[in-house]
Each structure stands twice: as C-alpha cells, then as structure tokens.
Amino acid sequence: MLRRERIAIISGRQTAEPSVPQWLRFVMASDRAVSAWYVGAGFFFAPVLALLSPWPTVTTVLWWTIGIAGLCLGLLGIAMAAGLARVLRSGVEIPEEYWRSMIGYPKAHHEG
C-alpha cells in the first residue's frame, strides 16, 4: 500500500485519484523515447559499423556507445517494472485514461 493511500485510509477519507508514483510517468515516457531512439539508431549504426570496421578504435567507441545506451534502456525497464509492481502491490488499478495519456490517445468516451 502506498503512503498516500495509508494516510487516506487512516484519516477515513478516500482518494479520488489512484496513487500512481509521479516518477513512474517520467520513467515510462523516457523508456518509450529511448526505445524508439535505440531501434532507430540501430538502422544507422549497422552500416556505419560496416564502413568504419577498418578503424578499430572508432568501432570500439561505437560499440561502447551502443552498449551504454542499451544499459540505460535496461535500467529504465527495471525502474518501470518496480514502479508498476509497487502499484499492483497496493491494489490500485491504473485507469485507462492514464495509459492513453502516455501514448497521446484521446480520452475514451464512455456511453451509458
């Protein structure tokens, strides 16, 4: 249970908005952006590595760049998994509007 929810339960009031950690949105948006960059850069780095293979120092620098970017992407994935696990453990359901806002979809119109 998240701290805000515990305080709300102890004080007897209910929170109108689910307690999703604020940093989770930043991590998820960063993960999405870095993933897109990493895949796009892969199309660039493949021919560049082939062209620069006669120079081992330049090739090594490119491989280190690819490796460090992959490590950053992995760390973002771990942070995202930890944040989502924290929300799941608290029993809060993340509303559909939250997910839609992450990818820029318009709000869902509910009929009823």
PDB file of N, CA and C in Angstrom:
ATOM      1  N   MET A   1       0.853  -1.178   0.000  1.00  0.00           N
ATOM      2  CA  MET A   1       0.000   0.000   0.000  1.00  0.00           C
ATOM      3  C   MET A   1       0.895   1.237   0.000  1.00  0.00           C
ATOM      4  N   LEU A   2       0.549   2.177  -0.822  1.00  0.00           N
ATOM      5  CA  LEU A   2       1.339   3.398  -0.909  1.00  0.00           C
ATOM      6  C   LEU A   2       1.053   4.304   0.283  1.00  0.00           C
ATOM      7  N   ARG A   3       2.003   5.154   0.587  1.00  0.00           N
ATOM      8  CA  ARG A   3       1.898   6.015   1.771  1.00  0.00           C
ATOM      9  C   ARG A   3       0.651   6.899   1.724  1.00  0.00           C
ATOM     10  N   ARG A   4       0.374   7.484   0.555  1.00  0.00           N
ATOM     11  CA  ARG A   4      -0.793   8.369   0.440  1.00  0.00           C
ATOM     12  C   ARG A   4      -2.087   7.612   0.720  1.00  0.00           C
ATOM     13  N   GLU A   5      -2.133   6.353   0.262  1.00  0.00           N
ATOM     14  CA  GLU A   5      -3.342   5.565   0.499  1.00  0.00           C
ATOM     15  C   GLU A   5      -3.478   5.209   1.973  1.00  0.00           C
ATOM     16  N   ARG A   6      -2.350   4.872   2.618  1.00  0.00           N
ATOM     17  CA  ARG A   6      -2.403   4.565   4.046  1.00  0.00           C
ATOM     18  C   ARG A   6      -2.911   5.762   4.826  1.00  0.00           C
ATOM     19  N   ILE A   7      -2.404   6.941   4.490  1.00  0.00           N
ATOM     20  CA  ILE A   7      -2.847   8.154   5.177  1.00  0.00           C
ATOM     21  C   ILE A   7      -4.334   8.376   4.923  1.00  0.00           C
ATOM     22  N   ALA A   8      -4.793   8.154   3.704  1.00  0.00           N
ATOM     23  CA  ALA A   8      -6.205   8.336   3.375  1.00  0.00           C
ATOM     24  C   ALA A   8      -7.079   7.351   4.138  1.00  0.00           C
ATOM     25  N   ILE A   9      -6.622   6.103   4.261  1.00  0.00           N
ATOM     26  CA  ILE A   9      -7.402   5.091   4.977  1.00  0.00           C
ATOM     27  C   ILE A   9      -7.439   5.408   6.462  1.00  0.00           C
ATOM     28  N   ILE A  10      -6.302   5.791   7.038  1.00  0.00           N
ATOM     29  CA  ILE A  10      -6.236   6.119   8.468  1.00  0.00           C
ATOM     30  C   ILE A  10      -7.108   7.321   8.774  1.00  0.00           C
ATOM     31  N   SER A  11      -7.082   8.336   7.907  1.00  0.00           N
ATOM     32  CA  SER A  11      -7.858   9.540   8.180  1.00  0.00           C
ATOM     33  C   SER A  11      -9.333   9.365   7.827  1.00  0.00           C
ATOM     34  N   GLY A  12      -9.688   8.254   7.180  1.00  0.00           N
ATOM     35  CA  GLY A  12     -11.093   7.983   6.881  1.00  0.00           C
ATOM     36  C   GLY A  12     -11.589   8.629   5.601  1.00  0.00           C
ATOM     37  N   ARG A  13     -10.718   9.207   4.809  1.00  0.00           N
ATOM     38  CA  ARG A  13     -11.164   9.796   3.545  1.00  0.00           C
ATOM     39  C   ARG A  13     -10.647   8.953   2.395  1.00  0.00           C
ATOM     40  N   GLN A  14     -11.342   9.019   1.288  1.00  0.00           N
ATOM     41  CA  GLN A  14     -10.938   8.253   0.124  1.00  0.00           C
ATOM     42  C   GLN A  14     -10.294   9.186  -0.877  1.00  0.00           C
ATOM     43  N   THR A  15      -9.268   8.675  -1.554  1.00  0.00           N
ATOM     44  CA  THR A  15      -8.627   9.486  -2.578  1.00  0.00           C
ATOM     45  C   THR A  15      -9.398   9.320  -3.879  1.00  0.00           C
ATOM     46  N   ALA A  16      -9.607  10.409  -4.573  1.00  0.00           N
ATOM     47  CA  ALA A  16     -10.338  10.369  -5.836  1.00  0.00           C
ATOM     48  C   ALA A  16      -9.453   9.861  -6.962  1.00  0.00           C
ATOM     49  N   GLU A  17      -8.171  10.048  -6.852  1.00  0.00           N
ATOM     50  CA  GLU A  17      -7.230   9.693  -7.904  1.00  0.00           C
ATOM     51  C   GLU A  17      -6.342   8.553  -7.414  1.00  0.00           C
ATOM     52  N   PRO A  18      -6.143   7.516  -8.248  1.00  0.00           N
ATOM     53  CA  PRO A  18      -5.291   6.418  -7.787  1.00  0.00           C
ATOM     54  C   PRO A  18      -3.868   6.890  -7.533  1.00  0.00           C
ATOM     55  N   SER A  19      -3.230   6.269  -6.562  1.00  0.00           N
ATOM     56  CA  SER A  19      -1.879   6.679  -6.194  1.00  0.00           C
ATOM     57  C   SER A  19      -0.862   5.975  -7.077  1.00  0.00           C
ATOM     58  N   VAL A  20      -0.557   6.592  -8.182  1.00  0.00           N
ATOM     59  CA  VAL A  20       0.494   6.125  -9.069  1.00  0.00           C
ATOM     60  C   VAL A  20       1.690   7.025  -8.812  1.00  0.00           C
ATOM     61  N   PRO A  21       2.868   6.435  -8.548  1.00  0.00           N
ATOM     62  CA  PRO A  21       4.028   7.294  -8.270  1.00  0.00           C
ATOM     63  C   PRO A  21       4.257   8.305  -9.400  1.00  0.00           C
ATOM     64  N   GLN A  22       4.546   9.526  -9.022  1.00  0.00           N
ATOM     65  CA  GLN A  22       4.720  10.580 -10.023  1.00  0.00           C
ATOM     66  C   GLN A  22       5.912  10.313 -10.930  1.00  0.00           C
ATOM     67  N   TRP A  23       6.938   9.690 -10.403  1.00  0.00           N
ATOM     68  CA  TRP A  23       8.130   9.417 -11.194  1.00  0.00           C
ATOM     69  C   TRP A  23       7.887   8.334 -12.239  1.00  0.00           C
ATOM     70  N   LEU A  24       6.835   7.529 -12.057  1.00  0.00           N
ATOM     71  CA  LEU A  24       6.568   6.435 -12.990  1.00  0.00           C
ATOM     72  C   LEU A  24       6.230   6.959 -14.378  1.00  0.00           C
ATOM     73  N   ARG A  25       5.484   8.044 -14.450  1.00  0.00           N
ATOM     74  CA  ARG A  25       5.148   8.624 -15.759  1.00  0.00           C
ATOM     75  C   ARG A  25       6.418   9.060 -16.493  1.00  0.00           C
ATOM     76  N   PHE A  26       7.340   9.702 -15.773  1.00  0.00           N
ATOM     77  CA  PHE A  26       8.602  10.119 -16.382  1.00  0.00           C
ATOM     78  C   PHE A  26       9.399   8.912 -16.874  1.00  0.00           C
ATOM     79  N   VAL A  27       9.479   7.867 -16.047  1.00  0.00           N
ATOM     80  CA  VAL A  27      10.236   6.673 -16.413  1.00  0.00           C
ATOM     81  C   VAL A  27       9.612   6.006 -17.630  1.00  0.00           C
ATOM     82  N   MET A  28       8.287   5.894 -17.664  1.00  0.00           N
ATOM     83  CA  MET A  28       7.619   5.233 -18.785  1.00  0.00           C
ATOM     84  C   MET A  28       7.771   6.045 -20.074  1.00  0.00           C
ATOM     85  N   ALA A  29       7.656   7.363 -19.968  1.00  0.00           N
ATOM     86  CA  ALA A  29       7.829   8.207 -21.155  1.00  0.00           C
ATOM     87  C   ALA A  29       9.282   8.154 -21.646  1.00  0.00           C
ATOM     88  N   SER A  30      10.227   8.155 -20.713  1.00  0.00           N
ATOM     89  CA  SER A  30      11.637   8.062 -21.091  1.00  0.00           C
ATOM     90  C   SER A  30      11.937   6.715 -21.732  1.00  0.00           C
ATOM     91  N   ASP A  31      11.375   5.655 -21.180  1.00  0.00           N
ATOM     92  CA  ASP A  31      11.589   4.322 -21.737  1.00  0.00           C
ATOM     93  C   ASP A  31      11.059   4.242 -23.162  1.00  0.00           C
ATOM     94  N   ARG A  32       9.914   4.831 -23.379  1.00  0.00           N
ATOM     95  CA  ARG A  32       9.322   4.835 -24.721  1.00  0.00           C
ATOM     96  C   ARG A  32      10.203   5.616 -25.702  1.00  0.00           C
ATOM     97  N   ALA A  33      10.677   6.773 -25.276  1.00  0.00           N
ATOM     98  CA  ALA A  33      11.508   7.602 -26.148  1.00  0.00           C
ATOM     99  C   ALA A  33      12.864   6.955 -26.430  1.00  0.00           C
ATOM    100  N   VAL A  34      13.501   6.420 -25.397  1.00  0.00           N
ATOM    101  CA  VAL A  34      14.813   5.806 -25.575  1.00  0.00           C
ATOM    102  C   VAL A  34      14.697   4.528 -26.416  1.00  0.00           C
ATOM    103  N   SER A  35      13.616   3.780 -26.239  1.00  0.00           N
ATOM    104  CA  SER A  35      13.410   2.579 -27.056  1.00  0.00           C
ATOM    105  C   SER A  35      13.289   2.948 -28.526  1.00  0.00           C
ATOM    106  N   ALA A  36      12.528   3.972 -28.812  1.00  0.00           N
ATOM    107  CA  ALA A  36      12.376   4.419 -30.200  1.00  0.00           C
ATOM    108  C   ALA A  36      13.710   4.896 -30.760  1.00  0.00           C
ATOM    109  N   TRP A  37      14.458   5.634 -29.955  1.00  0.00           N
ATOM    110  CA  TRP A  37      15.767   6.114 -30.383  1.00  0.00           C
ATOM    111  C   TRP A  37      16.715   4.947 -30.623  1.00  0.00           C
ATOM    112  N   TYR A  38      16.700   3.961 -29.729  1.00  0.00           N
ATOM    113  CA  TYR A  38      17.610   2.823 -29.813  1.00  0.00           C
ATOM    114  C   TYR A  38      17.346   1.998 -31.073  1.00  0.00           C
ATOM    115  N   VAL A  39      16.083   1.750 -31.380  1.00  0.00           N
ATOM    116  CA  VAL A  39      15.740   0.996 -32.589  1.00  0.00           C
ATOM    117  C   VAL A  39      16.122   1.802 -33.835  1.00  0.00           C
ATOM    118  N   GLY A  40      15.799   3.083 -33.835  1.00  0.00           N
ATOM    119  CA  GLY A  40      16.145   3.926 -34.971  1.00  0.00           C
ATOM    120  C   GLY A  40      17.644   4.037 -35.170  1.00  0.00           C
ATOM    121  N   ALA A  41      18.376   4.149 -34.074  1.00  0.00           N
ATOM    122  CA  ALA A  41      19.835   4.252 -34.165  1.00  0.00           C
ATOM    123  C   ALA A  41      20.448   2.951 -34.669  1.00  0.00           C
ATOM    124  N   GLY A  42      19.777   1.836 -34.413  1.00  0.00           N
ATOM    125  CA  GLY A  42      20.264   0.551 -34.907  1.00  0.00           C
ATOM    126  C   GLY A  42      20.347   0.523 -36.418  1.00  0.00           C
ATOM    127  N   PHE A  43      19.385   1.145 -37.081  1.00  0.00           N
ATOM    128  CA  PHE A  43      19.413   1.210 -38.540  1.00  0.00           C
ATOM    129  C   PHE A  43      20.563   2.096 -39.031  1.00  0.00           C
ATOM    130  N   PHE A  44      20.941   3.066 -38.223  1.00  0.00           N
ATOM    131  CA  PHE A  44      22.050   3.947 -38.573  1.00  0.00           C
ATOM    132  C   PHE A  44      23.400   3.289 -38.272  1.00  0.00           C
ATOM    133  N   PHE A  45      23.507   2.648 -37.087  1.00  0.00           N
ATOM    134  CA  PHE A  45      24.787   2.110 -36.650  1.00  0.00           C
ATOM    135  C   PHE A  45      25.241   0.900 -37.462  1.00  0.00           C
ATOM    136  N   ALA A  46      24.334   0.091 -37.967  1.00  0.00           N
ATOM    137  CA  ALA A  46      24.740  -1.110 -38.707  1.00  0.00           C
ATOM    138  C   ALA A  46      25.618  -0.764 -39.916  1.00  0.00           C
ATOM    139  N   PRO A  47      25.173   0.119 -40.811  1.00  0.00           N
ATOM    140  CA  PRO A  47      26.056   0.443 -41.938  1.00  0.00           C
ATOM    141  C   PRO A  47      27.294   1.239 -41.521  1.00  0.00           C
ATOM    142  N   VAL A  48      27.163   2.072 -40.495  1.00  0.00           N
ATOM    143  CA  VAL A  48      28.316   2.849 -40.033  1.00  0.00           C
ATOM    144  C   VAL A  48      29.397   1.915 -39.486  1.00  0.00           C
ATOM    145  N   LEU A  49      28.977   0.908 -38.721  1.00  0.00           N
ATOM    146  CA  LEU A  49      29.945  -0.058 -38.202  1.00  0.00           C
ATOM    147  C   LEU A  49      30.628  -0.812 -39.341  1.00  0.00           C
ATOM    148  N   ALA A  50      29.861  -1.140 -40.372  1.00  0.00           N
ATOM    149  CA  ALA A  50      30.456  -1.836 -41.518  1.00  0.00           C
ATOM    150  C   ALA A  50      31.468  -0.949 -42.239  1.00  0.00           C
ATOM    151  N   LEU A  51      31.145   0.327 -42.374  1.00  0.00           N
ATOM    152  CA  LEU A  51      32.057   1.244 -43.066  1.00  0.00           C
ATOM    153  C   LEU A  51      33.303   1.567 -42.251  1.00  0.00           C
ATOM    154  N   LEU A  52      33.156   1.628 -40.932  1.00  0.00           N
ATOM    155  CA  LEU A  52      34.269   2.036 -40.075  1.00  0.00           C
ATOM    156  C   LEU A  52      35.042   0.860 -39.484  1.00  0.00           C
ATOM    157  N   SER A  53      34.745  -0.353 -39.912  1.00  0.00           N
ATOM    158  CA  SER A  53      35.426  -1.519 -39.353  1.00  0.00           C
ATOM    159  C   SER A  53      36.940  -1.518 -39.561  1.00  0.00           C
ATOM    160  N   PRO A  54      37.485  -0.862 -40.598  1.00  0.00           N
ATOM    161  CA  PRO A  54      38.956  -0.828 -40.702  1.00  0.00           C
ATOM    162  C   PRO A  54      39.626  -0.046 -39.564  1.00  0.00           C
ATOM    163  N   TRP A  55      38.912   0.796 -38.851  1.00  0.00           N
ATOM    164  CA  TRP A  55      39.476   1.572 -37.749  1.00  0.00           C
ATOM    165  C   TRP A  55      38.957   1.022 -36.424  1.00  0.00           C
ATOM    166  N   PRO A  56      39.728   0.170 -35.781  1.00  0.00           N
ATOM    167  CA  PRO A  56      39.255  -0.498 -34.567  1.00  0.00           C
ATOM    168  C   PRO A  56      38.915   0.448 -33.419  1.00  0.00           C
ATOM    169  N   THR A  57      39.597   1.558 -33.302  1.00  0.00           N
ATOM    170  CA  THR A  57      39.308   2.498 -32.208  1.00  0.00           C
ATOM    171  C   THR A  57      37.913   3.100 -32.377  1.00  0.00           C
ATOM    172  N   VAL A  58      37.592   3.512 -33.586  1.00  0.00           N
ATOM    173  CA  VAL A  58      36.267   4.093 -33.854  1.00  0.00           C
ATOM    174  C   VAL A  58      35.179   3.040 -33.667  1.00  0.00           C
ATOM    175  N   THR A  59      35.441   1.829 -34.114  1.00  0.00           N
ATOM    176  CA  THR A  59      34.479   0.737 -33.949  1.00  0.00           C
ATOM    177  C   THR A  59      34.239   0.458 -32.472  1.00  0.00           C
ATOM    178  N   THR A  60      35.306   0.465 -31.674  1.00  0.00           N
ATOM    179  CA  THR A  60      35.175   0.240 -30.229  1.00  0.00           C
ATOM    180  C   THR A  60      34.345   1.332 -29.569  1.00  0.00           C
ATOM    181  N   VAL A  61      34.569   2.574 -29.955  1.00  0.00           N
ATOM    182  CA  VAL A  61      33.786   3.685 -29.400  1.00  0.00           C
ATOM    183  C   VAL A  61      32.308   3.519 -29.755  1.00  0.00           C
ATOM    184  N   LEU A  62      32.026   3.133 -30.987  1.00  0.00           N
ATOM    185  CA  LEU A  62      30.619   2.919 -31.381  1.00  0.00           C
ATOM    186  C   LEU A  62      29.984   1.782 -30.587  1.00  0.00           C
ATOM    187  N   TRP A  63      30.714   0.684 -30.393  1.00  0.00           N
ATOM    188  CA  TRP A  63      30.166  -0.428 -29.616  1.00  0.00           C
ATOM    189  C   TRP A  63      29.934  -0.022 -28.161  1.00  0.00           C
ATOM    190  N   TRP A  64      30.824   0.765 -27.599  1.00  0.00           N
ATOM    191  CA  TRP A  64      30.613   1.257 -26.235  1.00  0.00           C
ATOM    192  C   TRP A  64      29.374   2.145 -26.156  1.00  0.00           C
ATOM    193  N   THR A  65      29.186   2.980 -27.156  1.00  0.00           N
ATOM    194  CA  THR A  65      28.003   3.841 -27.207  1.00  0.00           C
ATOM    195  C   THR A  65      26.723   2.999 -27.259  1.00  0.00           C
ATOM    196  N   ILE A  66      26.734   1.989 -28.113  1.00  0.00           N
ATOM    197  CA  ILE A  66      25.569   1.100 -28.220  1.00  0.00           C
ATOM    198  C   ILE A  66      25.335   0.380 -26.893  1.00  0.00           C
ATOM    199  N   GLY A  67      26.400  -0.087 -26.274  1.00  0.00           N
ATOM    200  CA  GLY A  67      26.283  -0.807 -25.009  1.00  0.00           C
ATOM    201  C   GLY A  67      25.765   0.052 -23.873  1.00  0.00           C
ATOM    202  N   ILE A  68      26.264   1.267 -23.771  1.00  0.00           N
ATOM    203  CA  ILE A  68      25.827   2.176 -22.694  1.00  0.00           C
ATOM    204  C   ILE A  68      24.360   2.571 -22.899  1.00  0.00           C
ATOM    205  N   ALA A  69      23.979   2.822 -24.143  1.00  0.00           N
ATOM    206  CA  ALA A  69      22.572   3.138 -24.408  1.00  0.00           C
ATOM    207  C   ALA A  69      21.680   1.947 -24.061  1.00  0.00           C
ATOM    208  N   GLY A  70      22.122   0.744 -24.370  1.00  0.00           N
ATOM    209  CA  GLY A  70      21.363  -0.455 -24.013  1.00  0.00           C
ATOM    210  C   GLY A  70      21.259  -0.629 -22.509  1.00  0.00           C
ATOM    211  N   LEU A  71      22.340  -0.328 -21.794  1.00  0.00           N
ATOM    212  CA  LEU A  71      22.319  -0.400 -20.337  1.00  0.00           C
ATOM    213  C   LEU A  71      21.319   0.597 -19.752  1.00  0.00           C
ATOM    214  N   CYS A  72      21.318   1.824 -20.276  1.00  0.00           N
ATOM    215  CA  CYS A  72      20.352   2.838 -19.814  1.00  0.00           C
ATOM    216  C   CYS A  72      18.921   2.376 -20.071  1.00  0.00           C
ATOM    217  N   LEU A  73      18.699   1.785 -21.224  1.00  0.00           N
ATOM    218  CA  LEU A  73      17.360   1.278 -21.548  1.00  0.00           C
ATOM    219  C   LEU A  73      16.970   0.159 -20.584  1.00  0.00           C
ATOM    220  N   GLY A  74      17.910  -0.701 -20.256  1.00  0.00           N
ATOM    221  CA  GLY A  74      17.636  -1.769 -19.294  1.00  0.00           C
ATOM    222  C   GLY A  74      17.314  -1.227 -17.912  1.00  0.00           C
ATOM    223  N   LEU A  75      18.049  -0.201 -17.471  1.00  0.00           N
ATOM    224  CA  LEU A  75      17.784   0.403 -16.161  1.00  0.00           C
ATOM    225  C   LEU A  75      16.419   1.077 -16.124  1.00  0.00           C
ATOM    226  N   LEU A  76      16.041   1.709 -17.235  1.00  0.00           N
ATOM    227  CA  LEU A  76      14.692   2.291 -17.305  1.00  0.00           C
ATOM    228  C   LEU A  76      13.635   1.197 -17.213  1.00  0.00           C
ATOM    229  N   GLY A  77      13.890   0.068 -17.852  1.00  0.00           N
ATOM    230  CA  GLY A  77      12.950  -1.053 -17.781  1.00  0.00           C
ATOM    231  C   GLY A  77      12.802  -1.588 -16.368  1.00  0.00           C
ATOM    232  N   ILE A  78      13.909  -1.673 -15.639  1.00  0.00           N
ATOM    233  CA  ILE A  78      13.849  -2.131 -14.247  1.00  0.00           C
ATOM    234  C   ILE A  78      13.079  -1.141 -13.388  1.00  0.00           C
ATOM    235  N   ALA A  79      13.325   0.148 -13.585  1.00  0.00           N
ATOM    236  CA  ALA A  79      12.601   1.174 -12.816  1.00  0.00           C
ATOM    237  C   ALA A  79      11.110   1.131 -13.137  1.00  0.00           C
ATOM    238  N   MET A  80      10.772   0.917 -14.410  1.00  0.00           N
ATOM    239  CA  MET A  80       9.363   0.845 -14.797  1.00  0.00           C
ATOM    240  C   MET A  80       8.716  -0.379 -14.163  1.00  0.00           C
ATOM    241  N   ALA A  81       9.390  -1.516 -14.193  1.00  0.00           N
ATOM    242  CA  ALA A  81       8.847  -2.730 -13.582  1.00  0.00           C
ATOM    243  C   ALA A  81       8.655  -2.548 -12.079  1.00  0.00           C
ATOM    244  N   ALA A  82       9.612  -1.888 -11.424  1.00  0.00           N
ATOM    245  CA  ALA A  82       9.499  -1.649  -9.987  1.00  0.00           C
ATOM    246  C   ALA A  82       8.316  -0.733  -9.678  1.00  0.00           C
ATOM    247  N   GLY A  83       8.135   0.307 -10.471  1.00  0.00           N
ATOM    248  CA  GLY A  83       7.004   1.218 -10.252  1.00  0.00           C
ATOM    249  C   GLY A  83       5.666   0.549 -10.482  1.00  0.00           C
ATOM    250  N   LEU A  84       5.568  -0.223 -11.556  1.00  0.00           N
ATOM    251  CA  LEU A  84       4.310  -0.924 -11.831  1.00  0.00           C
ATOM    252  C   LEU A  84       4.033  -1.997 -10.783  1.00  0.00           C
ATOM    253  N   ALA A  85       5.076  -2.677 -10.301  1.00  0.00           N
ATOM    254  CA  ALA A  85       4.900  -3.674  -9.241  1.00  0.00           C
ATOM    255  C   ALA A  85       4.425  -3.008  -7.958  1.00  0.00           C
ATOM    256  N   ARG A  86       4.941  -1.833  -7.689  1.00  0.00           N
ATOM    257  CA  ARG A  86       4.522  -1.086  -6.496  1.00  0.00           C
ATOM    258  C   ARG A  86       3.037  -0.745  -6.568  1.00  0.00           C
ATOM    259  N   VAL A  87       2.583  -0.334  -7.747  1.00  0.00           N
ATOM    260  CA  VAL A  87       1.170  -0.003  -7.925  1.00  0.00           C
ATOM    261  C   VAL A  87       0.313  -1.264  -7.797  1.00  0.00           C
ATOM    262  N   LEU A  88       0.744  -2.349  -8.429  1.00  0.00           N
ATOM    263  CA  LEU A  88      -0.009  -3.609  -8.346  1.00  0.00           C
ATOM    264  C   LEU A  88      -0.095  -4.110  -6.912  1.00  0.00           C
ATOM    265  N   ARG A  89       1.008  -4.013  -6.189  1.00  0.00           N
ATOM    266  CA  ARG A  89       1.039  -4.477  -4.803  1.00  0.00           C
ATOM    267  C   ARG A  89       0.082  -3.672  -3.928  1.00  0.00           C
ATOM    268  N   SER A  90      -0.137  -2.419  -4.282  1.00  0.00           N
ATOM    269  CA  SER A  90      -1.040  -1.582  -3.490  1.00  0.00           C
ATOM    270  C   SER A  90      -2.503  -1.896  -3.775  1.00  0.00           C
ATOM    271  N   GLY A  91      -2.760  -2.625  -4.871  1.00  0.00           N
ATOM    272  CA  GLY A  91      -4.133  -2.986  -5.199  1.00  0.00           C
ATOM    273  C   GLY A  91      -4.872  -1.938  -5.997  1.00  0.00           C
ATOM    274  N   VAL A  92      -4.195  -0.901  -6.431  1.00  0.00           N
ATOM    275  CA  VAL A  92      -4.813   0.175  -7.198  1.00  0.00           C
ATOM    276  C   VAL A  92      -4.820  -0.215  -8.666  1.00  0.00           C
ATOM    277  N   GLU A  93      -5.913   0.038  -9.336  1.00  0.00           N
ATOM    278  CA  GLU A  93      -5.984  -0.197 -10.770  1.00  0.00           C
ATOM    279  C   GLU A  93      -5.688   1.120 -11.483  1.00  0.00           C
ATOM    280  N   ILE A  94      -4.766   1.068 -12.416  1.00  0.00           N
ATOM    281  CA  ILE A  94      -4.418   2.276 -13.167  1.00  0.00           C
ATOM    282  C   ILE A  94      -5.497   2.481 -14.222  1.00  0.00           C
ATOM    283  N   PRO A  95      -6.131   3.651 -14.235  1.00  0.00           N
ATOM    284  CA  PRO A  95      -7.232   3.877 -15.176  1.00  0.00           C
ATOM    285  C   PRO A  95      -6.767   3.930 -16.630  1.00  0.00           C
ATOM    286  N   GLU A  96      -7.695   3.638 -17.522  1.00  0.00           N
ATOM    287  CA  GLU A  96      -7.389   3.627 -18.955  1.00  0.00           C
ATOM    288  C   GLU A  96      -6.905   4.986 -19.438  1.00  0.00           C
ATOM    289  N   GLU A  97      -7.432   6.060 -18.873  1.00  0.00           N
ATOM    290  CA  GLU A  97      -7.018   7.399 -19.288  1.00  0.00           C
ATOM    291  C   GLU A  97      -5.525   7.631 -19.042  1.00  0.00           C
ATOM    292  N   TYR A  98      -4.994   7.034 -17.976  1.00  0.00           N
ATOM    293  CA  TYR A  98      -3.564   7.161 -17.676  1.00  0.00           C
ATOM    294  C   TYR A  98      -2.738   6.555 -18.814  1.00  0.00           C
ATOM    295  N   TRP A  99      -3.130   5.346 -19.247  1.00  0.00           N
ATOM    296  CA  TRP A  99      -2.410   4.674 -20.330  1.00  0.00           C
ATOM    297  C   TRP A  99      -2.568   5.436 -21.638  1.00  0.00           C
ATOM    298  N   ARG A 100      -3.769   5.929 -21.902  1.00  0.00           N
ATOM    299  CA  ARG A 100      -3.993   6.691 -23.140  1.00  0.00           C
ATOM    300  C   ARG A 100      -3.161   7.964 -23.157  1.00  0.00           C
ATOM    301  N   SER A 101      -3.006   8.597 -22.003  1.00  0.00           N
ATOM    302  CA  SER A 101      -2.227   9.832 -21.955  1.00  0.00           C
ATOM    303  C   SER A 101      -0.741   9.561 -22.178  1.00  0.00           C
ATOM    304  N   MET A 102      -0.299   8.350 -21.882  1.00  0.00           N
ATOM    305  CA  MET A 102       1.111   8.005 -22.086  1.00  0.00           C
ATOM    306  C   MET A 102       1.480   7.953 -23.567  1.00  0.00           C
ATOM    307  N   ILE A 103       0.515   7.588 -24.414  1.00  0.00           N
ATOM    308  CA  ILE A 103       0.821   7.457 -25.839  1.00  0.00           C
ATOM    309  C   ILE A 103       0.099   8.482 -26.694  1.00  0.00           C
ATOM    310  N   GLY A 104      -0.562   9.421 -26.051  1.00  0.00           N
ATOM    311  CA  GLY A 104      -1.182  10.527 -26.792  1.00  0.00           C
ATOM    312  C   GLY A 104      -2.521  10.211 -27.415  1.00  0.00           C
ATOM    313  N   TYR A 105      -3.186   9.142 -26.977  1.00  0.00           N
ATOM    314  CA  TYR A 105      -4.525   8.851 -27.488  1.00  0.00           C
ATOM    315  C   TYR A 105      -5.529   9.785 -26.835  1.00  0.00           C
ATOM    316  N   PRO A 106      -6.597  10.108 -27.549  1.00  0.00           N
ATOM    317  CA  PRO A 106      -7.631  10.946 -26.923  1.00  0.00           C
ATOM    318  C   PRO A 106      -8.355  10.147 -25.826  1.00  0.00           C
ATOM    319  N   LYS A 107      -9.007  10.873 -24.948  1.00  0.00           N
ATOM    320  CA  LYS A 107      -9.741  10.230 -23.854  1.00  0.00           C
ATOM    321  C   LYS A 107     -10.862   9.370 -24.416  1.00  0.00           C
ATOM    322  N   ALA A 108     -11.113   8.255 -23.722  1.00  0.00           N
ATOM    323  CA  ALA A 108     -12.168   7.347 -24.140  1.00  0.00           C
ATOM    324  C   ALA A 108     -13.531   7.957 -23.761  1.00  0.00           C
ATOM    325  N   HIS A 109     -14.478   7.840 -24.665  1.00  0.00           N
ATOM    326  CA  HIS A 109     -15.831   8.317 -24.389  1.00  0.00           C
ATOM    327  C   HIS A 109     -16.675   7.132 -23.973  1.00  0.00           C
ATOM    328  N   HIS A 110     -17.142   7.176 -22.738  1.00  0.00           N
ATOM    329  CA  HIS A 110     -17.955   6.082 -22.225  1.00  0.00           C
ATOM    330  C   HIS A 110     -19.422   6.399 -22.453  1.00  0.00           C
ATOM    331  N   GLU A 111     -20.123   5.435 -23.030  1.00  0.00           N
ATOM    332  CA  GLU A 111     -21.560   5.613 -23.217  1.00  0.00           C
ATOM    333  C   GLU A 111     -22.281   4.992 -22.036  1.00  0.00           C
ATOM    334  N   GLY A 112     -23.317   5.608 -21.621  1.00  0.00           N
ATOM    335  CA  GLY A 112     -24.033   4.995 -20.514  1.00  0.00           C
ATOM    336  C   GLY A 112     -25.052   5.833 -19.921  1.00  0.00           C
TER     337      GLY A 112
END
